């Protein structure tokens, strides 16, 4: 291919490439921003009361970056063939009347004087009209600005998703809500005592709720809560609290804040010593009775 003709096509392809890359990236950022914005709403409907995974934000960032890189590679690979570029130029400048397509066809590259004349004709057309304008510079700039705006929107959506997870309670599960009252909240209990947890909903009560408990052990226990008739109150009972634990209530649409139960023990009587001090008029010396069960005076 003639060097001048090849250079003209490469300049045009470069502008087309930027337009394709910026436009694809804008779509990519907008799509993942929509996913990040809708995830807190969609997750409870897909996974029930299970909270969002801890790495949800990092996963979305990785997927968005991977899809952007894949599109970038695809957009660069599309420009290896000059035929699509020539067709774009022919569409923009119909007066070429397929002369450019004929000039770059491989089977006509050795066409002698006529081929040379045809090439000179299309190169002269490029000098007058500048083929790279087949893709408007304003369009390229607009697409670049659009993809930056979409990237910013994605960043805002990811930050809001991270904030929603941070509001979910100290254990970082799901999305916390304000229309629920949990009793007894943070409490201290004697070791071995039962724990009754109630969840009262100020708005419409969910169809089901679970009492989720975490202790020093790695296992997490889940226990369905019961509801009495149409009362918007769910109750869950732990028969015996043997160690410190944290608990929250999970339901369709979110979770409550996390509360803590701390256990204590009263001192256990192991031995009693009685020290007797008599009145002075008795003239009796003080006396100590060790390991005594009763004292009678």
Protein backbone atom coordinates (compact mmCIF):
# COMPACT_ATOMS: atom_id res chain seq x y z
CA UNK A 1 0.00 0.00 0.00
CA UNK A 2 1.17 3.50 -0.83
CA UNK A 3 2.86 5.11 2.20
CA UNK A 4 0.83 8.36 1.98
CA UNK A 5 -2.41 6.42 1.66
CA UNK A 6 -1.47 4.18 4.57
CA UNK A 7 -0.64 7.21 6.73
CA UNK A 8 -3.98 8.84 5.89
CA UNK A 9 -5.86 5.69 6.84
CA UNK A 10 -3.89 5.34 10.09
CA UNK A 11 -4.71 8.91 11.10
CA UNK A 12 -8.39 8.26 10.46
CA UNK A 13 -8.25 4.92 12.27
CA UNK A 14 -6.63 6.55 15.30
CA UNK A 15 -9.51 9.00 15.73
CA UNK A 16 -12.05 6.23 15.18
CA UNK A 17 -10.18 4.17 17.77
CA UNK A 18 -10.40 6.87 20.43
CA UNK A 19 -14.12 7.34 19.74
CA UNK A 20 -14.70 3.60 20.04
CA UNK A 21 -12.63 3.28 23.22
CA UNK A 22 -14.21 6.25 25.01
CA UNK A 23 -17.73 5.22 24.02
CA UNK A 24 -17.21 1.63 25.15
CA UNK A 25 -15.66 2.69 28.43
CA UNK A 26 -18.59 5.03 29.11
CA UNK A 27 -21.01 2.14 28.63
CA UNK A 28 -18.82 -0.10 30.82
CA UNK A 29 -18.62 2.41 33.70
CA UNK A 30 -22.35 3.15 33.53
CA UNK A 31 -23.25 -0.54 33.56
CA UNK A 32 -21.15 -1.29 36.63
CA UNK A 33 -22.37 1.89 38.35
CA UNK A 34 -25.92 0.60 37.88
CA UNK A 35 -24.92 -2.76 39.36
CA UNK A 36 -23.34 -1.07 42.40
CA UNK A 37 -26.39 1.17 42.89
CA UNK A 38 -28.91 -1.67 42.61
CA UNK A 39 -26.99 -4.31 44.56
CA UNK A 40 -28.19 -3.26 48.08
CA UNK A 41 -31.78 -3.41 46.80
CA UNK A 42 -31.44 -6.64 44.81
CA UNK A 43 -29.29 -8.70 47.19
CA UNK A 44 -31.99 -9.33 49.88
CA UNK A 45 -34.38 -10.48 47.15
CA UNK A 46 -31.79 -12.89 45.74
CA UNK A 47 -30.12 -14.16 48.92
CA UNK A 48 -32.78 -13.55 51.57
CA UNK A 49 -31.45 -12.46 54.95
CA UNK A 50 -27.86 -13.38 54.12
CA UNK A 51 -25.67 -10.26 54.28
CA UNK A 52 -23.61 -8.89 51.42
CA UNK A 53 -20.18 -10.56 51.15
CA UNK A 54 -17.33 -8.65 52.74
CA UNK A 55 -15.49 -8.31 49.40
CA UNK A 56 -18.45 -7.04 47.37
CA UNK A 57 -16.92 -3.62 46.65
CA UNK A 58 -13.50 -5.05 45.77
CA UNK A 59 -15.15 -7.63 43.51
CA UNK A 60 -17.06 -4.94 41.62
CA UNK A 61 -13.89 -2.89 41.19
CA UNK A 62 -12.07 -5.92 39.79
CA UNK A 63 -14.90 -6.80 37.40
CA UNK A 64 -15.21 -3.21 36.16
CA UNK A 65 -11.45 -2.95 35.56
CA UNK A 66 -11.34 -6.34 33.80
CA UNK A 67 -14.21 -5.50 31.48
CA UNK A 68 -12.64 -2.11 30.67
CA UNK A 69 -9.31 -3.75 29.79
CA UNK A 70 -11.11 -6.36 27.66
CA UNK A 71 -12.93 -3.64 25.73
CA UNK A 72 -9.69 -1.67 25.27
CA UNK A 73 -8.00 -4.74 23.77
CA UNK A 74 -11.00 -5.43 21.52
CA UNK A 75 -11.13 -1.81 20.27
CA UNK A 76 -7.43 -1.91 19.36
CA UNK A 77 -7.78 -5.26 17.62
CA UNK A 78 -10.62 -3.95 15.44
CA UNK A 79 -8.33 -1.43 13.67
CA UNK A 80 -5.91 -3.92 12.14
CA UNK A 81 -7.93 -4.18 8.93
CA UNK A 82 -8.04 -0.98 6.79
CA UNK A 83 -11.29 -1.98 5.04
CA UNK A 84 -13.68 -0.85 7.83
CA UNK A 85 -11.80 2.47 7.99
CA UNK A 86 -12.13 2.91 4.23
CA UNK A 87 -15.85 2.12 4.36
CA UNK A 88 -16.31 4.75 7.08
CA UNK A 89 -14.54 7.32 4.90
CA UNK A 90 -16.62 6.35 1.88
CA UNK A 91 -19.82 6.81 3.92
CA UNK A 92 -18.69 10.27 5.02
CA UNK A 93 -17.52 11.32 1.56
CA UNK A 94 -19.79 9.64 -1.03
CA UNK A 95 -18.09 11.58 -3.83
CA UNK A 96 -15.22 9.10 -3.61
CA UNK A 97 -17.58 6.65 -5.32
CA UNK A 98 -15.74 3.53 -3.99
CA UNK A 99 -12.39 4.80 -5.31
CA UNK A 100 -10.76 4.39 -1.90
CA UNK A 101 -12.01 0.81 -1.54
CA UNK A 102 -10.62 0.03 -4.99
CA UNK A 103 -7.28 1.67 -4.15
CA UNK A 104 -6.64 -0.53 -1.10
CA UNK A 105 -7.85 -3.85 -2.52
CA UNK A 106 -4.84 -6.22 -2.50
CA UNK A 107 -5.52 -7.71 -5.91
CA UNK A 108 -5.26 -4.26 -7.50
CA UNK A 109 -2.06 -3.13 -5.82
CA UNK A 110 -0.06 -4.05 -8.93
CA UNK A 111 -2.40 -2.36 -11.35
CA UNK A 112 0.25 -0.17 -12.98
CA UNK A 113 -0.52 3.36 -14.16
CA UNK A 114 -4.28 3.20 -13.54
CA UNK A 115 -3.77 1.98 -9.97
CA UNK A 116 -1.19 4.71 -9.38
CA UNK A 117 -3.54 7.36 -10.74
CA UNK A 118 -6.36 6.08 -8.55
CA UNK A 119 -4.17 6.23 -5.46
CA UNK A 120 -3.06 9.77 -6.25
CA UNK A 121 -6.69 10.76 -6.73
CA UNK A 122 -7.80 9.50 -3.30
CA UNK A 123 -4.70 10.98 -1.60
CA UNK A 124 -5.54 14.35 -3.14
CA UNK A 125 -9.04 14.01 -1.75
CA UNK A 126 -7.59 13.42 1.74
CA UNK A 127 -5.43 16.54 1.47
CA UNK A 128 -8.53 18.61 0.75
CA UNK A 129 -11.02 17.05 3.15
CA UNK A 130 -8.81 15.44 5.85
CA UNK A 131 -10.36 12.00 6.23
CA UNK A 132 -9.91 11.87 9.99
CA UNK A 133 -12.84 14.32 10.14
CA UNK A 134 -15.02 11.38 9.15
CA UNK A 135 -15.15 11.02 12.92
CA UNK A 136 -15.86 14.44 14.39
CA UNK A 137 -13.32 15.78 16.87
CA UNK A 138 -16.23 17.09 18.92
CA UNK A 139 -17.63 13.57 19.11
CA UNK A 140 -14.32 12.21 20.39
CA UNK A 141 -14.08 14.95 23.04
CA UNK A 142 -17.71 14.45 24.07
CA UNK A 143 -17.22 10.71 24.43
CA UNK A 144 -14.06 11.29 26.48
CA UNK A 145 -15.92 13.62 28.83
CA UNK A 146 -18.83 11.18 29.01
CA UNK A 147 -16.61 8.28 30.02
CA UNK A 148 -14.95 10.41 32.72
CA UNK A 149 -18.38 11.38 34.06
CA UNK A 150 -19.44 7.72 33.99
CA UNK A 151 -16.25 6.75 35.84
CA UNK A 152 -17.04 9.36 38.49
CA UNK A 153 -20.57 8.00 38.80
CA UNK A 154 -19.14 4.52 39.27
CA UNK A 155 -16.85 5.81 42.02
CA UNK A 156 -19.80 7.46 43.80
CA UNK A 157 -21.88 4.27 43.54
CA UNK A 158 -19.04 2.19 44.99
CA UNK A 159 -18.54 4.65 47.86
CA UNK A 160 -22.25 4.58 48.66
CA UNK A 161 -22.18 0.79 48.61
CA UNK A 162 -19.22 0.80 50.99
CA UNK A 163 -21.03 3.29 53.27
CA UNK A 164 -24.14 1.12 53.30
CA UNK A 165 -22.03 -1.83 54.42
CA UNK A 166 -20.33 0.29 57.10
CA UNK A 167 -23.75 1.29 58.51
CA UNK A 168 -24.72 -2.34 58.93
CA UNK A 169 -23.43 -2.69 62.50
CA UNK A 170 -20.12 -3.52 64.07
CA UNK A 171 -19.97 -6.92 62.42
CA UNK A 172 -20.38 -5.32 58.99
CA UNK A 173 -23.32 -7.39 57.78
CA UNK A 174 -25.90 -6.13 55.29
CA UNK A 175 -27.69 -2.81 55.58
CA UNK A 176 -28.82 -1.49 58.95
CA UNK A 177 -32.31 -0.03 59.32
CA UNK A 178 -33.82 2.48 61.70
CA UNK A 179 -37.44 1.22 61.88
CA UNK A 180 -36.71 -1.64 64.28
CA UNK A 181 -36.39 -1.73 68.07
CA UNK A 182 -34.36 -4.57 69.59
CA UNK A 183 -34.69 -5.51 73.26
CA UNK A 184 -32.81 -5.99 75.52
CA UNK A 185 -30.01 -4.53 73.35
CA UNK A 186 -26.64 -4.57 75.10
CA UNK A 187 -27.03 -6.49 78.35
CA UNK A 188 -25.16 -8.28 81.14
CA UNK A 189 -26.40 -11.70 82.29
CA UNK A 190 -25.35 -14.24 84.88
CA UNK A 191 -23.66 -17.19 83.21
CA UNK A 192 -26.24 -19.88 82.40
CA UNK A 193 -29.19 -17.48 82.32
CA UNK A 194 -31.65 -17.46 79.39
CA UNK A 195 -31.80 -14.60 76.88
CA UNK A 196 -35.04 -13.39 75.31
CA UNK A 197 -34.64 -11.10 72.28
CA UNK A 198 -37.58 -9.22 70.78
CA UNK A 199 -37.64 -7.22 67.55
CA UNK A 200 -40.45 -4.68 67.12
CA UNK A 201 -40.96 -3.16 63.66
CA UNK A 202 -42.34 0.35 63.43
CA UNK A 203 -43.36 -0.03 59.77
CA UNK A 204 -44.61 -3.11 57.92
CA UNK A 205 -43.22 -6.24 59.55
CA UNK A 206 -41.37 -8.78 57.37
CA UNK A 207 -42.67 -12.29 56.86
CA UNK A 208 -39.80 -13.88 58.79
CA UNK A 209 -36.81 -12.96 60.96
CA UNK A 210 -33.78 -14.75 62.33
CA UNK A 211 -31.75 -14.28 65.49
CA UNK A 212 -28.08 -14.46 64.45
CA UNK A 213 -25.58 -15.09 67.24
CA UNK A 214 -21.79 -14.97 67.28
CA UNK A 215 -19.65 -16.13 70.17
CA UNK A 216 -15.91 -16.52 70.61
CA UNK A 217 -16.23 -19.69 68.57
CA UNK A 218 -15.93 -19.27 64.78
CA UNK A 219 -19.37 -20.81 64.15
CA UNK A 220 -22.37 -18.50 63.67
CA UNK A 221 -25.71 -19.75 64.98
CA UNK A 222 -28.99 -18.81 63.32
CA UNK A 223 -32.34 -19.31 65.00
CA UNK A 224 -35.77 -18.52 63.52
CA UNK A 225 -37.79 -16.01 65.53
CA UNK A 226 -41.50 -16.45 66.21
CA UNK A 227 -44.27 -13.94 65.70
CA UNK A 228 -47.51 -13.79 67.61
CA UNK A 229 -50.54 -13.35 65.34
CA UNK A 230 -50.45 -9.96 63.59
CA UNK A 231 -48.32 -8.28 66.24
CA UNK A 232 -45.25 -6.71 64.51
CA UNK A 233 -42.99 -8.27 67.16
CA UNK A 234 -40.69 -11.24 66.63
CA UNK A 235 -39.19 -13.13 69.57
CA UNK A 236 -36.22 -15.46 69.90
CA UNK A 237 -35.01 -17.23 73.04
CA UNK A 238 -31.62 -18.62 73.95
CA UNK A 239 -32.09 -21.16 76.73
CA UNK A 240 -28.63 -20.74 78.25
CA UNK A 241 -25.94 -18.12 77.68
CA UNK A 242 -22.63 -19.69 78.60
CA UNK A 243 -20.20 -17.09 77.18
CA UNK A 244 -20.03 -13.57 75.79
CA UNK A 245 -21.74 -13.24 72.44
CA UNK A 246 -22.88 -10.70 69.86
CA UNK A 247 -26.27 -10.89 68.18
CA UNK A 248 -28.38 -9.15 65.57
CA UNK A 249 -31.71 -9.74 63.86
CA UNK A 250 -31.70 -10.53 60.13
CA UNK A 251 -34.81 -10.18 57.98
CA UNK A 252 -35.80 -9.56 54.39
CA UNK A 253 -34.47 -6.16 53.44
CA UNK A 254 -31.71 -5.71 56.01
CA UNK A 255 -30.37 -6.42 59.48
CA UNK A 256 -30.51 -4.71 62.84
CA UNK A 257 -27.49 -3.18 64.54
CA UNK A 258 -25.31 -5.63 66.47
CA UNK A 259 -25.67 -5.88 70.25
CA UNK A 260 -23.48 -7.60 72.85
CA UNK A 261 -24.22 -9.90 75.77
CA UNK A 262 -21.60 -10.04 78.49
CA UNK A 263 -21.82 -12.78 81.12
CA UNK A 264 -20.69 -12.61 84.73
CA UNK A 265 -20.59 -14.95 87.71
CA UNK A 266 -21.36 -14.27 91.35
CA UNK A 267 -18.57 -15.31 93.75
CA UNK A 268 -18.77 -18.98 94.73
CA UNK A 269 -18.55 -19.79 98.43
CA UNK A 270 -15.71 -22.25 98.97
CA UNK A 271 -15.00 -21.90 102.74
CA UNK A 272 -16.28 -19.92 105.76
CA UNK A 273 -14.19 -19.04 108.83
CA UNK A 274 -15.93 -17.50 111.83
CA UNK A 275 -14.04 -15.08 114.09
CA UNK A 276 -15.77 -14.50 117.40
CA UNK A 277 -15.06 -11.41 119.50
CA UNK A 278 -16.89 -11.50 122.85
CA UNK A 279 -18.00 -8.50 124.95
CA UNK A 280 -15.44 -7.24 127.40
CA UNK A 281 -17.46 -8.20 130.47
CA UNK A 282 -17.18 -11.89 129.53
CA UNK A 283 -13.39 -11.75 129.73
CA UNK A 284 -13.30 -14.35 126.94
CA UNK A 285 -10.49 -14.17 124.40
CA UNK A 286 -11.28 -13.88 120.64
CA UNK A 287 -11.87 -17.20 118.97
CA UNK A 288 -11.64 -18.36 115.34
CA UNK A 289 -13.63 -21.35 114.10
CA UNK A 290 -12.29 -22.50 110.73
CA UNK A 291 -14.36 -24.01 107.92
CA UNK A 292 -17.62 -23.61 109.78
CA UNK A 293 -21.05 -24.26 108.26
CA UNK A 294 -23.19 -22.53 110.97
CA UNK A 295 -22.58 -20.09 113.78
CA UNK A 296 -24.93 -19.89 116.81
CA UNK A 297 -24.59 -17.26 119.48
